[in-house]
């Protein structure tokens, strides 16, 4: 019986828990070259997991050259099974590593202790790979799996497309980020409303009544609920902030630099000014509205600037003459900072959960 333990509450996939512990036993010398490992079905019964999980664990060990699959003999510990490292370590280093692994194997440290964080892409690959193995056990051919996955994915997209989502904010630049960031969650276009328009509406709640979710920033959530109390239960606050790359670019601004902001709304200029101030820049900051100003005025504004800060999606909104002005600015060495305003990851995860609950609610039309 292999001394392998499984943490069913852990985040690491079970097949990786199994493969990493067997690898540790091999490196520690507790499993020797040529030694036969338990059959997949036998180990699956011992650990109370699916046979496909053991199959995946053994395949991983084969790929890592810890074991070999011998026809008629099962899985055997490889002759050069990684006990001396993967890159020709010295005997002294290998001995130290082996001793450390031996302690881990004896005390059964939590699997994955020494692993780097697993990315979302890797997690997705592991989930899909595990599902493929389980479907193979059920007798599905690969073509059947592909067809089934396509059908289920199309069905899910159709379900999500029935959701109606609205975003409300005080400036058009901020509204632009909702559509781009919510696109992976729902196929439909996010309707966008300015607070100024809702305030002028005879019945703001009626304007928003048909939407399943109504998003606004945490700074505006109380205003939205007060403006349209009938839809208060649908109003969801989200946290928005500049991206990490934007914050780094702002932090590097030299106070001697002439910095300008091209904005669509005065309110967004105020938001940018606030973040620039927080970055420590105490030089001269000025702005100009690029939709309302004449090309000559914008060209003159840009003349003495070292840095221009622009809103998200800025380039797509520019007429050809203004695009030329920006290109000339960059060609002479000017720095362009894209003020990437984003919904924070925590809020996006919360929205994913809300959308999932809405899709699964009783009586939801699909």
Foldseek 3Di string as FASTA:
>chain_A
DDPADADPPDPDDRLQSVLQLVLLCVLLVVAAFFRADDALVVVCVVHVHDSLSPVVSLVVQVVQQQWDQDVPRGIGGHNPRQNQHDPRDDPVVSVVVSVVSVVCSVVVDPPPPVPDDDDPVRVVVVVVSSVVSVVVVVPDDPVRVVVVVVVVVVVVQVLQQPAAEEEEEADPLVRVQCQVVCCVQHVDGHHYYYPVVLVPDPASQVVVVVHQAYEYAPVCLVVVCVSHVVCNVRYDHFHKDFDPVLLVVLLPDDLVFAEEEEEQDPVVVVVVVVSSVVSVRDHDYYYDHPVPDDLVVVLVVLVRGQEYEYEPPRVVPDDPSNVVSVVVSVVVPHYYRYRHMHGDPVRVVVVSVVSVCQSPDPPRDD
